[in-house]
Every structure is written in C-alpha cells, then in structure tokens.
Amino acid sequence: MSHRFGELWTVQLADREEVRLIVSGDFYHTLYGDNVLSAYVETADMASALTAFSVDVGGGRAAMVDRITTVHSGRLKEKVGDLPEARLADVRGMLAAVFGFAS
C-alpha cells in the first residue's frame, strides 16, 4: 500500500474507525515498512483547545500534529481526503518544532 504525506485516511482501531492525517511517506517514515505515522484528527474546536499545534484539514476538523502515533498500514481503511498544498508547509514546520528536526 502506498501512502503520501498529507493524506487523510479512516483507520480501523479495535471496534471503531477514526480519521487520521498520515504524516509519513516521502517526508517522515518509521523503521518498519508496514507502519505509518499518523496525527490524531478531532473537531477543530477540540483540537485547538488541546494543542497549539493543530492544522485545519477541512470539514470542521483539525489534526493535532504533536499527537502522533504509529498505525499498522493494514488498518488504513480508505482515503478520505488530501491536505491542501498550502497547509503542508505549516505541518512540516510544526513537526520540526515539536520533534526537533529540520523541515
């Protein structure tokens, strides 16, 4: 399965599905080829209340870039959108600020 930085996917987690922003791919990757890094997506109000590192992903939702987890790529159910190109630079900058690497 191929994936790109900046894609929104639904992810199967136990008995529920969640939307996550995939932040791996060409920009950032895990040591394991079958895992991807994903940022939690919440309603925009909730995300902005929980962190200063949120980015609008459309539909009244925002990804919390400082809340990243590893998800097995087999749990990705379906792609539900792309982050607009204008927002990718913001996410890269937030990742660099939070995790201390060059964007």
N, C-alpha and C. Protein backbone atom coordinates (compact mmCIF):
# COMPACT_ATOMS: atom_id res chain seq x y z
N MET A 1 0.85 -1.18 0.00
CA MET A 1 0.00 0.00 0.00
C MET A 1 0.89 1.24 0.00
N SER A 2 0.65 2.13 -0.90
CA SER A 2 1.43 3.37 -0.92
C SER A 2 0.64 4.45 -0.19
N HIS A 3 1.37 5.38 0.40
CA HIS A 3 0.76 6.49 1.10
C HIS A 3 1.69 7.68 0.98
N ARG A 4 1.13 8.83 1.10
CA ARG A 4 1.88 10.06 0.94
C ARG A 4 1.66 10.94 2.15
N PHE A 5 2.63 11.76 2.44
CA PHE A 5 2.49 12.78 3.48
C PHE A 5 1.30 13.67 3.13
N GLY A 6 0.43 13.90 4.09
CA GLY A 6 -0.67 14.83 3.88
C GLY A 6 -1.98 14.21 3.46
N GLU A 7 -2.11 12.87 3.52
CA GLU A 7 -3.36 12.22 3.18
C GLU A 7 -4.18 11.95 4.43
N LEU A 8 -5.50 12.09 4.31
CA LEU A 8 -6.42 11.74 5.38
C LEU A 8 -7.00 10.36 5.11
N TRP A 9 -6.91 9.49 6.11
CA TRP A 9 -7.44 8.13 5.98
C TRP A 9 -8.34 7.81 7.15
N THR A 10 -9.31 6.94 6.93
CA THR A 10 -10.00 6.34 8.06
C THR A 10 -9.17 5.14 8.49
N VAL A 11 -9.06 4.96 9.79
CA VAL A 11 -8.24 3.90 10.37
C VAL A 11 -9.10 3.04 11.28
N GLN A 12 -9.02 1.73 11.10
CA GLN A 12 -9.75 0.80 11.96
C GLN A 12 -8.95 0.57 13.24
N LEU A 13 -9.52 0.94 14.38
CA LEU A 13 -8.89 0.77 15.68
C LEU A 13 -9.85 -0.01 16.57
N ALA A 14 -9.55 -1.28 16.77
CA ALA A 14 -10.43 -2.18 17.53
C ALA A 14 -11.81 -2.15 16.90
N ASP A 15 -12.82 -1.68 17.63
CA ASP A 15 -14.20 -1.71 17.12
C ASP A 15 -14.66 -0.36 16.57
N ARG A 16 -13.75 0.57 16.35
CA ARG A 16 -14.14 1.89 15.87
C ARG A 16 -13.25 2.33 14.71
N GLU A 17 -13.72 3.32 13.97
CA GLU A 17 -12.92 3.94 12.92
C GLU A 17 -12.68 5.40 13.30
N GLU A 18 -11.46 5.87 13.00
CA GLU A 18 -11.10 7.27 13.23
C GLU A 18 -10.46 7.82 11.97
N VAL A 19 -10.57 9.12 11.77
CA VAL A 19 -9.85 9.78 10.69
C VAL A 19 -8.51 10.21 11.22
N ARG A 20 -7.44 9.92 10.48
CA ARG A 20 -6.09 10.32 10.86
C ARG A 20 -5.40 10.99 9.68
N LEU A 21 -4.51 11.92 9.98
CA LEU A 21 -3.65 12.54 8.98
C LEU A 21 -2.37 11.74 8.90
N ILE A 22 -2.07 11.18 7.74
CA ILE A 22 -0.84 10.41 7.56
C ILE A 22 0.31 11.39 7.38
N VAL A 23 1.31 11.30 8.23
CA VAL A 23 2.45 12.22 8.19
C VAL A 23 3.74 11.51 7.80
N SER A 24 3.62 10.26 7.38
CA SER A 24 4.81 9.54 6.91
C SER A 24 4.88 9.63 5.40
N GLY A 25 5.53 8.67 4.77
CA GLY A 25 5.67 8.70 3.32
C GLY A 25 6.99 9.33 2.94
N ASP A 26 6.95 10.26 2.00
CA ASP A 26 8.20 10.83 1.47
C ASP A 26 8.88 11.77 2.46
N PHE A 27 8.17 12.23 3.49
CA PHE A 27 8.76 13.21 4.40
C PHE A 27 9.30 12.60 5.68
N TYR A 28 8.57 11.65 6.25
CA TYR A 28 8.94 11.11 7.54
C TYR A 28 8.49 9.67 7.57
N HIS A 29 9.30 8.77 8.05
CA HIS A 29 8.94 7.36 7.99
C HIS A 29 9.35 6.65 9.27
N THR A 30 8.77 5.48 9.48
CA THR A 30 9.13 4.68 10.63
C THR A 30 10.19 3.68 10.21
N LEU A 31 10.74 2.98 11.17
CA LEU A 31 11.74 1.95 10.88
C LEU A 31 11.11 0.71 10.27
N TYR A 32 9.81 0.58 10.42
CA TYR A 32 9.11 -0.60 9.94
C TYR A 32 8.28 -0.24 8.72
N GLY A 33 8.49 -0.95 7.63
CA GLY A 33 7.81 -0.61 6.39
C GLY A 33 6.31 -0.81 6.42
N ASP A 34 5.79 -1.59 7.37
CA ASP A 34 4.35 -1.83 7.41
C ASP A 34 3.62 -0.89 8.36
N ASN A 35 4.31 0.11 8.90
CA ASN A 35 3.69 1.09 9.79
C ASN A 35 3.76 2.48 9.17
N VAL A 36 2.78 3.30 9.54
CA VAL A 36 2.80 4.70 9.14
C VAL A 36 2.62 5.55 10.38
N LEU A 37 3.11 6.76 10.33
CA LEU A 37 2.88 7.72 11.41
C LEU A 37 1.64 8.52 11.08
N SER A 38 0.79 8.71 12.06
CA SER A 38 -0.45 9.44 11.82
C SER A 38 -0.73 10.40 12.96
N ALA A 39 -1.30 11.54 12.61
CA ALA A 39 -1.69 12.54 13.60
C ALA A 39 -3.18 12.41 13.88
N TYR A 40 -3.53 12.56 15.15
CA TYR A 40 -4.93 12.50 15.55
C TYR A 40 -5.71 13.65 14.93
N VAL A 41 -6.94 13.37 14.50
CA VAL A 41 -7.83 14.38 13.95
C VAL A 41 -9.06 14.47 14.86
N GLU A 42 -9.39 15.69 15.25
CA GLU A 42 -10.56 15.96 16.09
C GLU A 42 -11.34 17.11 15.47
N THR A 43 -12.46 17.45 16.09
CA THR A 43 -13.16 18.65 15.65
C THR A 43 -12.20 19.83 15.84
N ALA A 44 -12.36 20.85 15.03
CA ALA A 44 -11.43 21.99 15.08
C ALA A 44 -11.42 22.64 16.46
N ASP A 45 -12.59 22.78 17.08
CA ASP A 45 -12.65 23.38 18.41
C ASP A 45 -11.90 22.56 19.44
N MET A 46 -12.10 21.24 19.41
CA MET A 46 -11.43 20.36 20.36
C MET A 46 -9.92 20.38 20.14
N ALA A 47 -9.50 20.29 18.88
CA ALA A 47 -8.07 20.27 18.58
C ALA A 47 -7.38 21.54 19.04
N SER A 48 -7.99 22.69 18.78
CA SER A 48 -7.36 23.96 19.18
C SER A 48 -7.35 24.13 20.69
N ALA A 49 -8.30 23.49 21.38
CA ALA A 49 -8.31 23.55 22.84
C ALA A 49 -7.23 22.65 23.44
N LEU A 50 -6.88 21.58 22.75
CA LEU A 50 -5.93 20.61 23.28
C LEU A 50 -4.48 20.92 22.95
N THR A 51 -4.25 21.64 21.84
CA THR A 51 -2.87 21.91 21.44
C THR A 51 -2.75 23.17 20.61
N ALA A 52 -1.57 23.77 20.65
CA ALA A 52 -1.27 24.91 19.77
C ALA A 52 -0.83 24.44 18.40
N PHE A 53 -0.55 23.14 18.27
CA PHE A 53 -0.03 22.59 17.02
C PHE A 53 -1.13 21.87 16.25
N SER A 54 -2.19 22.59 15.93
CA SER A 54 -3.27 22.00 15.14
C SER A 54 -3.30 22.64 13.76
N VAL A 55 -3.71 21.84 12.78
CA VAL A 55 -3.79 22.35 11.41
C VAL A 55 -5.14 21.94 10.83
N ASP A 56 -5.79 22.89 10.17
CA ASP A 56 -7.10 22.67 9.57
C ASP A 56 -7.00 21.63 8.46
N VAL A 57 -7.85 20.61 8.52
CA VAL A 57 -7.87 19.59 7.47
C VAL A 57 -9.21 19.58 6.73
N GLY A 58 -10.03 20.61 6.96
CA GLY A 58 -11.31 20.73 6.28
C GLY A 58 -12.43 20.01 7.02
N GLY A 59 -13.64 20.33 6.63
CA GLY A 59 -14.81 19.69 7.22
C GLY A 59 -14.99 19.97 8.69
N GLY A 60 -14.48 21.10 9.17
CA GLY A 60 -14.61 21.44 10.58
C GLY A 60 -13.70 20.63 11.50
N ARG A 61 -12.65 20.00 10.92
CA ARG A 61 -11.73 19.16 11.68
C ARG A 61 -10.32 19.73 11.61
N ALA A 62 -9.51 19.34 12.59
CA ALA A 62 -8.10 19.74 12.61
C ALA A 62 -7.26 18.58 13.11
N ALA A 63 -6.05 18.46 12.56
CA ALA A 63 -5.10 17.45 13.00
C ALA A 63 -4.22 18.04 14.08
N MET A 64 -3.98 17.25 15.12
CA MET A 64 -3.11 17.67 16.21
C MET A 64 -1.72 17.10 15.92
N VAL A 65 -0.84 17.95 15.40
CA VAL A 65 0.45 17.49 14.89
C VAL A 65 1.38 17.00 16.01
N ASP A 66 1.16 17.46 17.23
CA ASP A 66 2.01 16.97 18.33
C ASP A 66 1.47 15.67 18.93
N ARG A 67 0.38 15.15 18.39
CA ARG A 67 -0.19 13.88 18.87
C ARG A 67 -0.12 12.87 17.74
N ILE A 68 1.06 12.27 17.63
CA ILE A 68 1.33 11.34 16.54
C ILE A 68 1.52 9.95 17.11
N THR A 69 0.99 8.97 16.39
CA THR A 69 1.14 7.58 16.79
C THR A 69 1.50 6.73 15.57
N THR A 70 1.98 5.54 15.81
CA THR A 70 2.26 4.60 14.74
C THR A 70 1.03 3.72 14.53
N VAL A 71 0.64 3.55 13.28
CA VAL A 71 -0.50 2.72 12.94
C VAL A 71 -0.06 1.73 11.86
N HIS A 72 -0.44 0.47 12.02
CA HIS A 72 -0.14 -0.53 11.00
C HIS A 72 -0.88 -0.17 9.72
N SER A 73 -0.18 -0.20 8.59
CA SER A 73 -0.79 0.22 7.33
C SER A 73 -2.01 -0.63 6.97
N GLY A 74 -2.08 -1.86 7.48
CA GLY A 74 -3.24 -2.71 7.23
C GLY A 74 -4.51 -2.20 7.87
N ARG A 75 -4.38 -1.28 8.82
CA ARG A 75 -5.56 -0.70 9.47
C ARG A 75 -6.13 0.48 8.69
N LEU A 76 -5.43 0.95 7.66
CA LEU A 76 -5.95 2.04 6.86
C LEU A 76 -7.10 1.52 6.02
N LYS A 77 -8.28 2.10 6.18
CA LYS A 77 -9.47 1.60 5.51
C LYS A 77 -9.71 2.27 4.16
N GLU A 78 -9.76 3.59 4.16
CA GLU A 78 -9.99 4.30 2.90
C GLU A 78 -9.48 5.73 3.02
N LYS A 79 -9.01 6.23 1.90
CA LYS A 79 -8.55 7.62 1.86
C LYS A 79 -9.77 8.52 1.79
N VAL A 80 -9.79 9.54 2.63
CA VAL A 80 -10.96 10.42 2.68
C VAL A 80 -10.61 11.86 2.35
N GLY A 81 -9.38 12.12 1.91
CA GLY A 81 -9.02 13.47 1.50
C GLY A 81 -7.53 13.72 1.53
N ASP A 82 -7.17 14.87 1.01
CA ASP A 82 -5.78 15.33 1.00
C ASP A 82 -5.70 16.65 1.72
N LEU A 83 -4.58 16.86 2.40
CA LEU A 83 -4.34 18.16 3.00
C LEU A 83 -3.98 19.13 1.87
N PRO A 84 -4.58 20.32 1.82
CA PRO A 84 -4.25 21.27 0.76
C PRO A 84 -2.75 21.61 0.78
N GLU A 85 -2.19 21.78 -0.39
CA GLU A 85 -0.76 22.05 -0.53
C GLU A 85 -0.31 23.23 0.34
N ALA A 86 -1.17 24.23 0.46
CA ALA A 86 -0.81 25.42 1.25
C ALA A 86 -0.59 25.08 2.72
N ARG A 87 -1.19 23.99 3.21
CA ARG A 87 -1.06 23.62 4.62
C ARG A 87 0.11 22.69 4.89
N LEU A 88 0.67 22.06 3.85
CA LEU A 88 1.76 21.11 4.06
C LEU A 88 2.99 21.76 4.68
N ALA A 89 3.32 22.96 4.25
CA ALA A 89 4.48 23.66 4.83
C ALA A 89 4.26 23.95 6.31
N ASP A 90 3.03 24.29 6.67
CA ASP A 90 2.72 24.53 8.08
C ASP A 90 2.92 23.27 8.91
N VAL A 91 2.45 22.13 8.39
CA VAL A 91 2.59 20.87 9.12
C VAL A 91 4.06 20.50 9.25
N ARG A 92 4.83 20.65 8.17
CA ARG A 92 6.26 20.34 8.23
C ARG A 92 6.96 21.21 9.28
N GLY A 93 6.60 22.50 9.32
CA GLY A 93 7.19 23.38 10.31
C GLY A 93 6.82 23.00 11.73
N MET A 94 5.56 22.59 11.93
CA MET A 94 5.13 22.16 13.25
C MET A 94 5.85 20.88 13.67
N LEU A 95 6.00 19.94 12.75
CA LEU A 95 6.73 18.71 13.05
C LEU A 95 8.16 19.02 13.45
N ALA A 96 8.78 19.93 12.73
CA ALA A 96 10.16 20.31 13.05
C ALA A 96 10.24 20.95 14.43
N ALA A 97 9.27 21.79 14.75
CA ALA A 97 9.27 22.46 16.06
C ALA A 97 9.04 21.46 17.19
N VAL A 98 8.09 20.54 17.02
CA VAL A 98 7.73 19.60 18.07
C VAL A 98 8.80 18.53 18.26
N PHE A 99 9.31 17.98 17.15
CA PHE A 99 10.20 16.84 17.23
C PHE A 99 11.66 17.17 17.00
N GLY A 100 11.97 18.43 16.70
CA GLY A 100 13.34 18.89 16.63
C GLY A 100 14.16 18.40 15.45
N PHE A 101 13.56 18.34 14.28
CA PHE A 101 14.33 18.04 13.08
C PHE A 101 14.06 19.10 12.03
N ALA A 102 14.95 19.16 11.04
CA ALA A 102 14.87 20.20 10.02
C ALA A 102 13.69 19.93 9.10
N SER A 103 12.97 20.98 8.76
CA SER A 103 11.86 20.83 7.82
C SER A 103 12.33 21.14 6.43
